[in-house]
């Protein structure tokens, strides 16, 4: 495909997307397709030659659209990542068109420095102090995994980075609400804590984590010789949009030296409104926070904003420095490859 063909085809695909978005209300929200129905419409063997644009557009209409659940439909009320904006679609075109890698400052200085500035703009909009530094992650799930790995290393004095999962003397414990997202359980497993060392704490009538039950669980673990490590507080749980009592949980986290990670994936973006910030009163005590602009702020999936109070934990845990990635500017810049 040459430049002129790209222009021609690009216009036609943008027209197709615009027509699709304009006609969304005419579609059923859920795909009526049966298991295997879409696969049966596709050839079993790899095509021997490419298909022209007309054929591709027909395939989109005849094969792909019948198998789409329309997340941007006005009647879609299922999962949170929805309502991608036209601006976000165009931004994706620009990002793909540039085709660059932002793993280090040198690989594309603008990629790093624009990310730094935009994440700081968002920090200010959220009312967070300069104690927090932001970085883009793909999802809240990976951000939470990074947070628990950092918590593991802080509590164990980085012994497990040096010596592997057998490097710690005591079994580390993670605490979260019994309404917390499944990604927290998965992160605890992937970070090596094990199911036996994850405590899903009972919630109250509003589905918020009960501080008294948390305190009892911490004391019981200490009595068994275990080492409380991390607490995940939720600002907007997936099942019920419950808000955990941040201030009380922050006080307990401070008393028992727990890494406090705040999963604000769903409701965090609402904190741009000062009148909503009562929901995370005490947030400045957090060690890390994640929220998802791809839920409320019109950005395309996926974009999670991860804020850390001490990014050096990320760098110590994730950082590598092979000779082929070293640059003369390393002491002056951020290399986000080491941030997650």
C-alpha atoms as a PDB file:
ATOM      1  CA  UNK A   1       0.000   0.000   0.000  1.00  0.00           C
ATOM      2  CA  UNK A   2       1.448   3.343  -0.997  1.00  0.00           C
ATOM      3  CA  UNK A   3       0.772   6.793   0.452  1.00  0.00           C
ATOM      4  CA  UNK A   4      -2.035   7.642  -1.991  1.00  0.00           C
ATOM      5  CA  UNK A   5      -3.782   4.309  -1.396  1.00  0.00           C
ATOM      6  CA  UNK A   6      -3.460   4.831   2.346  1.00  0.00           C
ATOM      7  CA  UNK A   7      -5.179   8.228   2.078  1.00  0.00           C
ATOM      8  CA  UNK A   8      -7.996   6.811  -0.052  1.00  0.00           C
ATOM      9  CA  UNK A   9      -8.590   3.753   2.094  1.00  0.00           C
ATOM     10  CA  UNK A  10      -8.209   5.741   5.313  1.00  0.00           C
ATOM     11  CA  UNK A  11     -11.017   8.086   4.315  1.00  0.00           C
ATOM     12  CA  UNK A  12     -13.265   5.144   3.502  1.00  0.00           C
ATOM     13  CA  UNK A  13     -12.581   3.407   6.797  1.00  0.00           C
ATOM     14  CA  UNK A  14     -13.231   6.611   8.743  1.00  0.00           C
ATOM     15  CA  UNK A  15     -16.509   6.954   6.841  1.00  0.00           C
ATOM     16  CA  UNK A  16     -17.342   3.350   7.766  1.00  0.00           C
ATOM     17  CA  UNK A  17     -16.646   4.022  11.464  1.00  0.00           C
ATOM     18  CA  UNK A  18     -18.654   7.269  11.396  1.00  0.00           C
ATOM     19  CA  UNK A  19     -21.604   5.504   9.726  1.00  0.00           C
ATOM     20  CA  UNK A  20     -21.407   2.678  12.257  1.00  0.00           C
ATOM     21  CA  UNK A  21     -21.406   5.079  15.202  1.00  0.00           C
ATOM     22  CA  UNK A  22     -24.324   7.061  13.755  1.00  0.00           C
ATOM     23  CA  UNK A  23     -26.398   3.881  13.326  1.00  0.00           C
ATOM     24  CA  UNK A  24     -25.589   2.330  16.723  1.00  0.00           C
ATOM     25  CA  UNK A  25     -29.116   2.763  18.155  1.00  0.00           C
ATOM     26  CA  UNK A  26     -30.446   0.553  15.343  1.00  0.00           C
ATOM     27  CA  UNK A  27     -28.425  -2.480  16.476  1.00  0.00           C
ATOM     28  CA  UNK A  28     -29.335  -4.853  19.296  1.00  0.00           C
ATOM     29  CA  UNK A  29     -26.977  -4.230  22.225  1.00  0.00           C
ATOM     30  CA  UNK A  30     -25.878  -7.867  22.431  1.00  0.00           C
ATOM     31  CA  UNK A  31     -24.686  -9.931  19.515  1.00  0.00           C
ATOM     32  CA  UNK A  32     -27.216 -12.617  18.511  1.00  0.00           C
ATOM     33  CA  UNK A  33     -24.377 -14.864  17.285  1.00  0.00           C
ATOM     34  CA  UNK A  34     -24.187 -18.454  18.466  1.00  0.00           C
ATOM     35  CA  UNK A  35     -20.885 -20.085  19.499  1.00  0.00           C
ATOM     36  CA  UNK A  36     -18.823 -20.876  16.402  1.00  0.00           C
ATOM     37  CA  UNK A  37     -21.072 -18.885  14.038  1.00  0.00           C
ATOM     38  CA  UNK A  38     -18.519 -16.182  13.205  1.00  0.00           C
ATOM     39  CA  UNK A  39     -15.669 -18.667  12.847  1.00  0.00           C
ATOM     40  CA  UNK A  40     -17.761 -20.697  10.373  1.00  0.00           C
ATOM     41  CA  UNK A  41     -17.963 -17.677   8.043  1.00  0.00           C
ATOM     42  CA  UNK A  42     -14.184 -17.467   7.709  1.00  0.00           C
ATOM     43  CA  UNK A  43     -12.000 -19.677   5.480  1.00  0.00           C
ATOM     44  CA  UNK A  44     -10.309 -22.586   7.216  1.00  0.00           C
ATOM     45  CA  UNK A  45      -7.091 -22.154   5.230  1.00  0.00           C
ATOM     46  CA  UNK A  46      -4.979 -18.972   5.076  1.00  0.00           C
ATOM     47  CA  UNK A  47      -5.959 -16.877   2.020  1.00  0.00           C
ATOM     48  CA  UNK A  48      -3.432 -17.083  -0.798  1.00  0.00           C
ATOM     49  CA  UNK A  49      -3.866 -13.445  -1.862  1.00  0.00           C
ATOM     50  CA  UNK A  50      -5.141 -10.282  -0.267  1.00  0.00           C
ATOM     51  CA  UNK A  51      -8.690  -9.006  -0.562  1.00  0.00           C
ATOM     52  CA  UNK A  52      -9.613  -5.608  -1.985  1.00  0.00           C
ATOM     53  CA  UNK A  53     -11.164  -2.838   0.050  1.00  0.00           C
ATOM     54  CA  UNK A  54     -14.656  -3.596  -1.177  1.00  0.00           C
ATOM     55  CA  UNK A  55     -14.366  -7.151   0.062  1.00  0.00           C
ATOM     56  CA  UNK A  56     -13.002  -6.045   3.429  1.00  0.00           C
ATOM     57  CA  UNK A  57     -15.864  -3.601   3.993  1.00  0.00           C
ATOM     58  CA  UNK A  58     -18.360  -6.313   3.051  1.00  0.00           C
ATOM     59  CA  UNK A  59     -16.692  -8.658   5.542  1.00  0.00           C
ATOM     60  CA  UNK A  60     -16.991  -6.029   8.276  1.00  0.00           C
ATOM     61  CA  UNK A  61     -20.718  -5.652   7.583  1.00  0.00           C
ATOM     62  CA  UNK A  62     -21.571  -9.302   6.943  1.00  0.00           C
ATOM     63  CA  UNK A  63     -19.165 -11.165   9.238  1.00  0.00           C
ATOM     64  CA  UNK A  64     -17.842  -8.904  11.981  1.00  0.00           C
ATOM     65  CA  UNK A  65     -20.801  -6.692  12.938  1.00  0.00           C
ATOM     66  CA  UNK A  66     -23.185  -9.627  13.586  1.00  0.00           C
ATOM     67  CA  UNK A  67     -20.672 -10.838  16.164  1.00  0.00           C
ATOM     68  CA  UNK A  68     -20.182  -7.521  17.946  1.00  0.00           C
ATOM     69  CA  UNK A  69     -21.664  -6.594  21.306  1.00  0.00           C
ATOM     70  CA  UNK A  70     -21.991  -2.853  20.928  1.00  0.00           C
ATOM     71  CA  UNK A  71     -20.245  -1.304  23.922  1.00  0.00           C
ATOM     72  CA  UNK A  72     -20.904   2.241  22.730  1.00  0.00           C
ATOM     73  CA  UNK A  73     -24.620   1.631  22.228  1.00  0.00           C
ATOM     74  CA  UNK A  74     -26.817   4.050  24.242  1.00  0.00           C
ATOM     75  CA  UNK A  75     -28.452   1.013  25.829  1.00  0.00           C
ATOM     76  CA  UNK A  76     -25.204  -0.653  26.944  1.00  0.00           C
ATOM     77  CA  UNK A  77     -25.024  -0.737  30.743  1.00  0.00           C
ATOM     78  CA  UNK A  78     -22.867  -3.816  31.375  1.00  0.00           C
ATOM     79  CA  UNK A  79     -19.146  -3.341  31.908  1.00  0.00           C
ATOM     80  CA  UNK A  80     -17.386  -0.095  32.738  1.00  0.00           C
ATOM     81  CA  UNK A  81     -14.953   0.508  29.816  1.00  0.00           C
ATOM     82  CA  UNK A  82     -17.292   2.103  27.290  1.00  0.00           C
ATOM     83  CA  UNK A  83     -18.161   5.322  25.440  1.00  0.00           C
ATOM     84  CA  UNK A  84     -14.986   5.776  23.425  1.00  0.00           C
ATOM     85  CA  UNK A  85     -14.976   9.265  21.912  1.00  0.00           C
ATOM     86  CA  UNK A  86     -14.260  10.330  18.334  1.00  0.00           C
ATOM     87  CA  UNK A  87     -11.239  12.245  19.649  1.00  0.00           C
ATOM     88  CA  UNK A  88      -9.847   9.038  21.127  1.00  0.00           C
ATOM     89  CA  UNK A  89     -10.310   7.190  17.825  1.00  0.00           C
ATOM     90  CA  UNK A  90      -8.346   9.871  15.998  1.00  0.00           C
ATOM     91  CA  UNK A  91      -5.656   9.791  18.695  1.00  0.00           C
ATOM     92  CA  UNK A  92      -5.284   6.050  18.088  1.00  0.00           C
ATOM     93  CA  UNK A  93      -4.714   6.753  14.393  1.00  0.00           C
ATOM     94  CA  UNK A  94      -1.984   9.265  15.222  1.00  0.00           C
ATOM     95  CA  UNK A  95      -0.292   6.913  17.708  1.00  0.00           C
ATOM     96  CA  UNK A  96      -0.356   4.026  15.228  1.00  0.00           C
ATOM     97  CA  UNK A  97       0.773   6.301  12.424  1.00  0.00           C
ATOM     98  CA  UNK A  98       3.797   7.488  14.379  1.00  0.00           C
ATOM     99  CA  UNK A  99       4.628   3.867  15.183  1.00  0.00           C
ATOM    100  CA  UNK A 100       7.155   4.661  17.914  1.00  0.00           C
ATOM    101  CA  UNK A 101       8.225   2.987  21.154  1.00  0.00           C
ATOM    102  CA  UNK A 102       8.339   4.933  24.407  1.00  0.00           C
ATOM    103  CA  UNK A 103      10.163   2.440  26.597  1.00  0.00           C
ATOM    104  CA  UNK A 104      12.978   4.902  27.268  1.00  0.00           C
ATOM    105  CA  UNK A 105      13.393   8.637  26.865  1.00  0.00           C
ATOM    106  CA  UNK A 106      15.785   8.261  23.926  1.00  0.00           C
ATOM    107  CA  UNK A 107      13.454   5.995  21.941  1.00  0.00           C
ATOM    108  CA  UNK A 108      11.070   8.973  21.628  1.00  0.00           C
ATOM    109  CA  UNK A 109      11.613  11.965  23.930  1.00  0.00           C
ATOM    110  CA  UNK A 110       8.159  13.382  23.155  1.00  0.00           C
ATOM    111  CA  UNK A 111       6.463  10.131  24.201  1.00  0.00           C
ATOM    112  CA  UNK A 112       8.047  10.303  27.655  1.00  0.00           C
ATOM    113  CA  UNK A 113       7.712  14.024  28.236  1.00  0.00           C
ATOM    114  CA  UNK A 114       4.140  14.348  26.978  1.00  0.00           C
ATOM    115  CA  UNK A 115       3.198  11.446  29.261  1.00  0.00           C
ATOM    116  CA  UNK A 116       4.892  13.159  32.208  1.00  0.00           C
ATOM    117  CA  UNK A 117       3.055  16.422  31.606  1.00  0.00           C
ATOM    118  CA  UNK A 118      -0.374  14.924  30.934  1.00  0.00           C
ATOM    119  CA  UNK A 119      -0.159  12.658  33.975  1.00  0.00           C
ATOM    120  CA  UNK A 120       0.769  15.660  36.087  1.00  0.00           C
ATOM    121  CA  UNK A 121      -2.149  17.640  34.656  1.00  0.00           C
ATOM    122  CA  UNK A 122      -4.460  14.786  35.676  1.00  0.00           C
ATOM    123  CA  UNK A 123      -2.874  14.672  39.140  1.00  0.00           C
ATOM    124  CA  UNK A 124      -3.652  18.345  39.625  1.00  0.00           C
ATOM    125  CA  UNK A 125      -7.198  17.902  38.322  1.00  0.00           C
ATOM    126  CA  UNK A 126      -7.740  15.103  40.860  1.00  0.00           C
ATOM    127  CA  UNK A 127      -6.537  17.286  43.722  1.00  0.00           C
ATOM    128  CA  UNK A 128      -3.580  15.035  44.533  1.00  0.00           C
ATOM    129  CA  UNK A 129      -0.426  16.539  45.993  1.00  0.00           C
ATOM    130  CA  UNK A 130       2.966  16.681  44.294  1.00  0.00           C
ATOM    131  CA  UNK A 131       3.962  13.672  46.405  1.00  0.00           C
ATOM    132  CA  UNK A 132       2.463  11.468  43.661  1.00  0.00           C
ATOM    133  CA  UNK A 133       4.062  10.763  40.286  1.00  0.00           C
ATOM    134  CA  UNK A 134       2.019   9.248  37.468  1.00  0.00           C
ATOM    135  CA  UNK A 135       2.658   6.720  34.731  1.00  0.00           C
ATOM    136  CA  UNK A 136       0.352   5.150  32.142  1.00  0.00           C
ATOM    137  CA  UNK A 137      -0.468   1.451  32.524  1.00  0.00           C
ATOM    138  CA  UNK A 138      -2.656  -0.616  30.234  1.00  0.00           C
ATOM    139  CA  UNK A 139      -5.185  -1.739  32.863  1.00  0.00           C
ATOM    140  CA  UNK A 140      -5.895  -1.419  36.577  1.00  0.00           C
ATOM    141  CA  UNK A 141      -5.141  -5.135  36.832  1.00  0.00           C
ATOM    142  CA  UNK A 142      -1.483  -4.701  35.872  1.00  0.00           C
ATOM    143  CA  UNK A 143      -1.208  -1.569  38.033  1.00  0.00           C
ATOM    144  CA  UNK A 144      -2.495  -3.491  41.048  1.00  0.00           C
ATOM    145  CA  UNK A 145      -0.050  -6.319  40.315  1.00  0.00           C
ATOM    146  CA  UNK A 146       2.798  -3.785  40.276  1.00  0.00           C
ATOM    147  CA  UNK A 147       1.535  -2.277  43.545  1.00  0.00           C
ATOM    148  CA  UNK A 148       1.466  -5.652  45.315  1.00  0.00           C
ATOM    149  CA  UNK A 149       4.921  -6.563  44.036  1.00  0.00           C
ATOM    150  CA  UNK A 150       6.230  -3.236  45.364  1.00  0.00           C
ATOM    151  CA  UNK A 151       4.451  -3.873  48.674  1.00  0.00           C
ATOM    152  CA  UNK A 152       6.003  -7.337  48.862  1.00  0.00           C
ATOM    153  CA  UNK A 153       9.488  -5.931  48.364  1.00  0.00           C
ATOM    154  CA  UNK A 154       9.084  -2.992  50.722  1.00  0.00           C
ATOM    155  CA  UNK A 155       7.851  -5.257  53.518  1.00  0.00           C
ATOM    156  CA  UNK A 156      10.569  -7.858  52.907  1.00  0.00           C
ATOM    157  CA  UNK A 157      13.341  -5.265  52.459  1.00  0.00           C
ATOM    158  CA  UNK A 158      13.676  -6.355  48.821  1.00  0.00           C
ATOM    159  CA  UNK A 159      14.736  -9.854  49.865  1.00  0.00           C
ATOM    160  CA  UNK A 160      12.471 -11.546  47.320  1.00  0.00           C
ATOM    161  CA  UNK A 161      13.871  -9.554  44.401  1.00  0.00           C
ATOM    162  CA  UNK A 162      17.316 -10.791  45.460  1.00  0.00           C
ATOM    163  CA  UNK A 163      16.501 -14.338  46.523  1.00  0.00           C
ATOM    164  CA  UNK A 164      13.180 -15.260  44.919  1.00  0.00           C
ATOM    165  CA  UNK A 165       9.941 -16.167  46.641  1.00  0.00           C
ATOM    166  CA  UNK A 166      11.772 -18.118  49.335  1.00  0.00           C
ATOM    167  CA  UNK A 167      13.777 -15.081  50.384  1.00  0.00           C
ATOM    168  CA  UNK A 168      11.442 -13.852  53.125  1.00  0.00           C
ATOM    169  CA  UNK A 169      11.366 -15.232  56.647  1.00  0.00           C
ATOM    170  CA  UNK A 170       7.647 -14.619  57.314  1.00  0.00           C
ATOM    171  CA  UNK A 171       4.591 -15.216  55.203  1.00  0.00           C
ATOM    172  CA  UNK A 172       3.275 -11.906  53.859  1.00  0.00           C
ATOM    173  CA  UNK A 173      -0.466 -11.162  53.934  1.00  0.00           C
ATOM    174  CA  UNK A 174      -2.654  -8.982  51.681  1.00  0.00           C
ATOM    175  CA  UNK A 175      -6.015  -7.527  52.769  1.00  0.00           C
ATOM    176  CA  UNK A 176      -8.936  -6.344  50.612  1.00  0.00           C
ATOM    177  CA  UNK A 177     -12.716  -6.103  50.678  1.00  0.00           C
ATOM    178  CA  UNK A 178     -14.830  -9.157  49.879  1.00  0.00           C
ATOM    179  CA  UNK A 179     -16.360  -6.897  47.192  1.00  0.00           C
ATOM    180  CA  UNK A 180     -13.002  -6.096  45.586  1.00  0.00           C
ATOM    181  CA  UNK A 181     -12.323  -6.770  41.916  1.00  0.00           C
ATOM    182  CA  UNK A 182     -11.115 -10.214  40.887  1.00  0.00           C
ATOM    183  CA  UNK A 183      -7.887  -8.635  39.608  1.00  0.00           C
ATOM    184  CA  UNK A 184      -6.788  -8.151  43.218  1.00  0.00           C
ATOM    185  CA  UNK A 185      -6.986 -11.870  43.904  1.00  0.00           C
ATOM    186  CA  UNK A 186      -5.190 -12.572  40.622  1.00  0.00           C
ATOM    187  CA  UNK A 187      -2.483 -10.015  41.452  1.00  0.00           C
ATOM    188  CA  UNK A 188      -1.940 -11.612  44.856  1.00  0.00           C
ATOM    189  CA  UNK A 189      -1.502 -15.004  43.170  1.00  0.00           C
ATOM    190  CA  UNK A 190       0.837 -13.726  40.449  1.00  0.00           C
ATOM    191  CA  UNK A 191       2.913 -11.789  42.989  1.00  0.00           C
ATOM    192  CA  UNK A 192       3.480 -15.012  44.917  1.00  0.00           C
ATOM    193  CA  UNK A 193       1.456 -14.342  48.072  1.00  0.00           C
ATOM    194  CA  UNK A 194      -0.785 -17.375  47.564  1.00  0.00           C
ATOM    195  CA  UNK A 195      -4.518 -17.723  48.236  1.00  0.00           C
ATOM    196  CA  UNK A 196      -3.862 -18.721  51.835  1.00  0.00           C
ATOM    197  CA  UNK A 197      -2.355 -15.280  52.464  1.00  0.00           C
ATOM    198  CA  UNK A 198      -5.117 -13.162  50.914  1.00  0.00           C
ATOM    199  CA  UNK A 199      -7.770 -11.929  53.336  1.00  0.00           C
ATOM    200  CA  UNK A 200     -11.059 -10.785  51.787  1.00  0.00           C
ATOM    201  CA  UNK A 201     -12.566  -8.791  54.639  1.00  0.00           C
ATOM    202  CA  UNK A 202     -16.266  -8.710  55.463  1.00  0.00           C
ATOM    203  CA  UNK A 203     -18.214  -5.634  54.365  1.00  0.00           C
ATOM    204  CA  UNK A 204     -21.063  -3.644  55.916  1.00  0.00           C
ATOM    205  CA  UNK A 205     -24.642  -3.076  54.722  1.00  0.00           C
ATOM    206  CA  UNK A 206     -23.307  -0.569  52.144  1.00  0.00           C
ATOM    207  CA  UNK A 207     -20.783  -3.160  50.900  1.00  0.00           C
ATOM    208  CA  UNK A 208     -17.820  -1.151  52.220  1.00  0.00           C
ATOM    209  CA  UNK A 209     -14.894  -2.805  54.002  1.00  0.00           C
ATOM    210  CA  UNK A 210     -15.357  -2.920  57.791  1.00  0.00           C
ATOM    211  CA  UNK A 211     -12.337  -1.483  59.659  1.00  0.00           C
ATOM    212  CA  UNK A 212     -13.130  -3.502  62.781  1.00  0.00           C
ATOM    213  CA  UNK A 213     -13.015  -6.767  60.806  1.00  0.00           C
ATOM    214  CA  UNK A 214      -9.786  -5.669  59.151  1.00  0.00           C
ATOM    215  CA  UNK A 215      -8.201  -4.929  62.518  1.00  0.00           C
ATOM    216  CA  UNK A 216      -9.252  -8.330  63.842  1.00  0.00           C
ATOM    217  CA  UNK A 217      -7.746 -10.064  60.805  1.00  0.00           C
ATOM    218  CA  UNK A 218      -4.451  -8.177  61.138  1.00  0.00           C
ATOM    219  CA  UNK A 219      -4.169  -9.041  64.830  1.00  0.00           C
ATOM    220  CA  UNK A 220      -4.924 -12.702  64.122  1.00  0.00           C
ATOM    221  CA  UNK A 221      -2.217 -12.849  61.439  1.00  0.00           C
ATOM    222  CA  UNK A 222       0.344 -11.178  63.702  1.00  0.00           C
ATOM    223  CA  UNK A 223      -0.479 -13.717  66.417  1.00  0.00           C
ATOM    224  CA  UNK A 224       0.213 -16.524  63.918  1.00  0.00           C
ATOM    225  CA  UNK A 225       3.601 -15.061  63.089  1.00  0.00           C
ATOM    226  CA  UNK A 226       2.579 -13.727  59.704  1.00  0.00           C
ATOM    227  CA  UNK A 227       3.581 -10.307  58.396  1.00  0.00           C
ATOM    228  CA  UNK A 228       0.812  -7.912  57.263  1.00  0.00           C
ATOM    229  CA  UNK A 229       2.001  -6.463  53.978  1.00  0.00           C
ATOM    230  CA  UNK A 230      -0.590  -4.634  51.876  1.00  0.00           C
ATOM    231  CA  UNK A 231      -4.116  -3.263  52.020  1.00  0.00           C
ATOM    232  CA  UNK A 232      -6.184  -2.587  48.893  1.00  0.00           C
ATOM    233  CA  UNK A 233      -8.943  -0.015  49.443  1.00  0.00           C
ATOM    234  CA  UNK A 234     -11.654   0.373  46.788  1.00  0.00           C
ATOM    235  CA  UNK A 235     -13.227   3.601  45.590  1.00  0.00           C
ATOM    236  CA  UNK A 236     -16.112   2.238  43.545  1.00  0.00           C
ATOM    237  CA  UNK A 237     -16.261  -1.564  43.585  1.00  0.00           C
ATOM    238  CA  UNK A 238     -17.230  -3.336  40.376  1.00  0.00           C
ATOM    239  CA  UNK A 239     -20.249  -5.215  41.714  1.00  0.00           C
ATOM    240  CA  UNK A 240     -21.858  -2.493  43.851  1.00  0.00           C
ATOM    241  CA  UNK A 241     -19.805   0.743  43.332  1.00  0.00           C
ATOM    242  CA  UNK A 242     -19.182   0.706  47.098  1.00  0.00           C
ATOM    243  CA  UNK A 243     -16.676   3.136  48.622  1.00  0.00           C
ATOM    244  CA  UNK A 244     -14.392   1.891  51.379  1.00  0.00           C
ATOM    245  CA  UNK A 245     -13.786   4.202  54.386  1.00  0.00           C
ATOM    246  CA  UNK A 246     -10.444   5.604  53.256  1.00  0.00           C
ATOM    247  CA  UNK A 247      -9.524   7.645  56.344  1.00  0.00           C
ATOM    248  CA  UNK A 248     -10.044   4.786  58.801  1.00  0.00           C
ATOM    249  CA  UNK A 249      -8.275   2.319  56.542  1.00  0.00           C
ATOM    250  CA  UNK A 250      -5.382   4.731  56.046  1.00  0.00           C
ATOM    251  CA  UNK A 251      -4.970   5.010  59.816  1.00  0.00           C
ATOM    252  CA  UNK A 252      -4.806   1.219  60.172  1.00  0.00           C
ATOM    253  CA  UNK A 253      -2.392   0.942  57.263  1.00  0.00           C
ATOM    254  CA  UNK A 254      -0.116   3.493  58.889  1.00  0.00           C
ATOM    255  CA  UNK A 255      -0.269   1.801  62.294  1.00  0.00           C
ATOM    256  CA  UNK A 256       0.636  -1.623  60.919  1.00  0.00           C
ATOM    257  CA  UNK A 257       2.991  -0.349  58.168  1.00  0.00           C
ATOM    258  CA  UNK A 258       0.881  -1.745  55.342  1.00  0.00           C
ATOM    259  CA  UNK A 259       1.380  -0.624  51.769  1.00  0.00           C
ATOM    260  CA  UNK A 260      -1.901   1.152  50.981  1.00  0.00           C
ATOM    261  CA  UNK A 261      -2.990   0.709  47.384  1.00  0.00           C
ATOM    262  CA  UNK A 262      -6.210   2.421  46.292  1.00  0.00           C
ATOM    263  CA  UNK A 263      -8.193   0.771  43.511  1.00  0.00           C
ATOM    264  CA  UNK A 264     -10.155   3.752  42.204  1.00  0.00           C
ATOM    265  CA  UNK A 265     -10.473   2.281  38.708  1.00  0.00           C
ATOM    266  CA  UNK A 266     -14.200   2.936  38.519  1.00  0.00           C
ATOM    267  CA  UNK A 267     -14.824   6.122  40.539  1.00  0.00           C
ATOM    268  CA  UNK A 268     -11.402   7.775  40.612  1.00  0.00           C
ATOM    269  CA  UNK A 269     -12.098   9.989  37.610  1.00  0.00           C
ATOM    270  CA  UNK A 270     -15.015  11.553  39.509  1.00  0.00           C
ATOM    271  CA  UNK A 271     -12.497  13.108  41.894  1.00  0.00           C
ATOM    272  CA  UNK A 272     -11.893  15.768  39.260  1.00  0.00           C
ATOM    273  CA  UNK A 273     -15.036  17.267  40.826  1.00  0.00           C
ATOM    274  CA  UNK A 274     -14.092  18.771  44.224  1.00  0.00           C
ATOM    275  CA  UNK A 275     -17.551  17.955  45.578  1.00  0.00           C
ATOM    276  CA  UNK A 276     -16.819  14.222  45.126  1.00  0.00           C
ATOM    277  CA  UNK A 277     -13.503  14.143  46.959  1.00  0.00           C
ATOM    278  CA  UNK A 278     -15.089  13.298  50.299  1.00  0.00           C
ATOM    279  CA  UNK A 279     -15.202   9.749  48.909  1.00  0.00           C
ATOM    280  CA  UNK A 280     -11.445   9.392  49.198  1.00  0.00           C
ATOM    281  CA  UNK A 281     -10.682  11.584  52.192  1.00  0.00           C
ATOM    282  CA  UNK A 282      -7.332  10.350  53.482  1.00  0.00           C
ATOM    283  CA  UNK A 283      -6.024   9.574  49.987  1.00  0.00           C
ATOM    284  CA  UNK A 284      -2.736  11.362  50.679  1.00  0.00           C
ATOM    285  CA  UNK A 285      -1.776   8.453  52.940  1.00  0.00           C
ATOM    286  CA  UNK A 286      -1.863   6.048  49.980  1.00  0.00           C
ATOM    287  CA  UNK A 287       1.338   4.558  48.599  1.00  0.00           C
ATOM    288  CA  UNK A 288      -0.215   3.965  45.177  1.00  0.00           C
ATOM    289  CA  UNK A 289      -3.449   4.751  43.349  1.00  0.00           C
ATOM    290  CA  UNK A 290      -4.962   3.561  40.087  1.00  0.00           C
ATOM    291  CA  UNK A 291      -7.882   4.993  38.119  1.00  0.00           C
ATOM    292  CA  UNK A 292      -9.180   4.334  34.623  1.00  0.00           C
ATOM    293  CA  UNK A 293      -9.718   7.288  32.279  1.00  0.00           C
ATOM    294  CA  UNK A 294     -11.053   4.715  29.800  1.00  0.00           C
ATOM    295  CA  UNK A 295     -14.160   4.455  31.975  1.00  0.00           C
ATOM    296  CA  UNK A 296     -15.399   8.036  32.421  1.00  0.00           C
ATOM    297  CA  UNK A 297     -13.102  10.318  30.465  1.00  0.00           C
ATOM    298  CA  UNK A 298     -13.799   9.237  26.890  1.00  0.00           C
ATOM    299  CA  UNK A 299     -10.413   7.701  26.171  1.00  0.00           C
ATOM    300  CA  UNK A 300     -10.262   4.425  24.282  1.00  0.00           C
ATOM    301  CA  UNK A 301      -9.609   1.167  26.084  1.00  0.00           C
ATOM    302  CA  UNK A 302      -7.064   0.750  27.491  1.00  0.00           C
ATOM    303  CA  UNK A 303      -5.659   3.556  29.638  1.00  0.00           C
ATOM    304  CA  UNK A 304      -5.038   3.303  33.375  1.00  0.00           C
ATOM    305  CA  UNK A 305      -3.413   6.090  35.355  1.00  0.00           C
ATOM    306  CA  UNK A 306      -1.115   4.744  38.084  1.00  0.00           C
ATOM    307  CA  UNK A 307       0.231   7.117  40.720  1.00  0.00           C
ATOM    308  CA  UNK A 308       3.014   6.159  43.110  1.00  0.00           C
ATOM    309  CA  UNK A 309       4.300   8.110  46.058  1.00  0.00           C
ATOM    310  CA  UNK A 310       7.752   6.555  45.759  1.00  0.00           C
ATOM    311  CA  UNK A 311       8.451   5.479  42.155  1.00  0.00           C
ATOM    312  CA  UNK A 312      11.840   4.135  43.246  1.00  0.00           C
ATOM    313  CA  UNK A 313      10.009   1.026  44.449  1.00  0.00           C
ATOM    314  CA  UNK A 314       8.835   0.431  40.890  1.00  0.00           C
ATOM    315  CA  UNK A 315      12.324   0.997  39.524  1.00  0.00           C
ATOM    316  CA  UNK A 316      14.006  -1.248  42.096  1.00  0.00           C
ATOM    317  CA  UNK A 317      11.536  -4.043  41.432  1.00  0.00           C
ATOM    318  CA  UNK A 318      11.057  -3.698  37.656  1.00  0.00           C
ATOM    319  CA  UNK A 319      14.262  -2.047  36.535  1.00  0.00           C
ATOM    320  CA  UNK A 320      16.788  -3.662  34.234  1.00  0.00           C
ATOM    321  CA  UNK A 321      19.742  -1.979  32.589  1.00  0.00           C
ATOM    322  CA  UNK A 322      21.246  -4.039  29.752  1.00  0.00           C
ATOM    323  CA  UNK A 323      23.997  -2.419  27.724  1.00  0.00           C
ATOM    324  CA  UNK A 324      21.838  -2.063  24.616  1.00  0.00           C
ATOM    325  CA  UNK A 325      19.341   0.151  26.488  1.00  0.00           C
ATOM    326  CA  UNK A 326      21.809   2.449  28.270  1.00  0.00           C
ATOM    327  CA  UNK A 327      21.967   6.046  27.093  1.00  0.00           C
ATOM    328  CA  UNK A 328      23.913   9.158  27.992  1.00  0.00           C
ATOM    329  CA  UNK A 329      20.735  10.807  29.293  1.00  0.00           C
ATOM    330  CA  UNK A 330      19.712   8.078  31.770  1.00  0.00           C
ATOM    331  CA  UNK A 331      20.612  10.130  34.862  1.00  0.00           C
ATOM    332  CA  UNK A 332      18.534  13.091  33.663  1.00  0.00           C
ATOM    333  CA  UNK A 333      15.314  11.469  32.436  1.00  0.00           C
ATOM    334  CA  UNK A 334      12.612   8.918  33.218  1.00  0.00           C
ATOM    335  CA  UNK A 335      12.719   5.596  31.401  1.00  0.00           C
ATOM    336  CA  UNK A 336       9.179   4.290  31.762  1.00  0.00           C
ATOM    337  CA  UNK A 337      10.185   0.738  30.840  1.00  0.00           C
ATOM    338  CA  UNK A 338      11.194   0.433  34.509  1.00  0.00           C
ATOM    339  CA  UNK A 339       7.825   1.635  35.827  1.00  0.00           C
ATOM    340  CA  UNK A 340       5.689  -1.401  35.127  1.00  0.00           C
END
